[in-house]
Amino acid sequence: MEDEFAIVLDANGVELRIQKVQTLTPQPHTQLGWSVNSLEEVLRALRAKGVVFESYPFMQQDALGIWTAPSGAKVAWLKDPDGNLLSLTQPTTCR
């Protein structure tokens, strides 16, 4: 479905709503994130395709740009073409 406010998609049985905005102002925090089983594997594959991951001097990230949270979860960030911050997370227990 699409109207003047949003686009609504069926993502394999899950409703995904994408809000339309008049002016885009990328925010400094994560806008959308995905859980992955092997963050290092996904990062290596995406880097091979030219994807650049964010590096933050105030965080202890490894050479791939992975930060390990106190919980043990591993996280990396990248920006989409519009400058929105996206994340990839490997939870402490993969689903």
Foldseek 3Di string as FASTA:
>chain_A
DDDPFWDWDQPPNDIDTGGDDPDDDADPDADEEEEDQDPVVVLVVVVVVPFDWDADPVADADPSQWGQDPQRKIKIWGADPVGHIYMYIHHPDHD
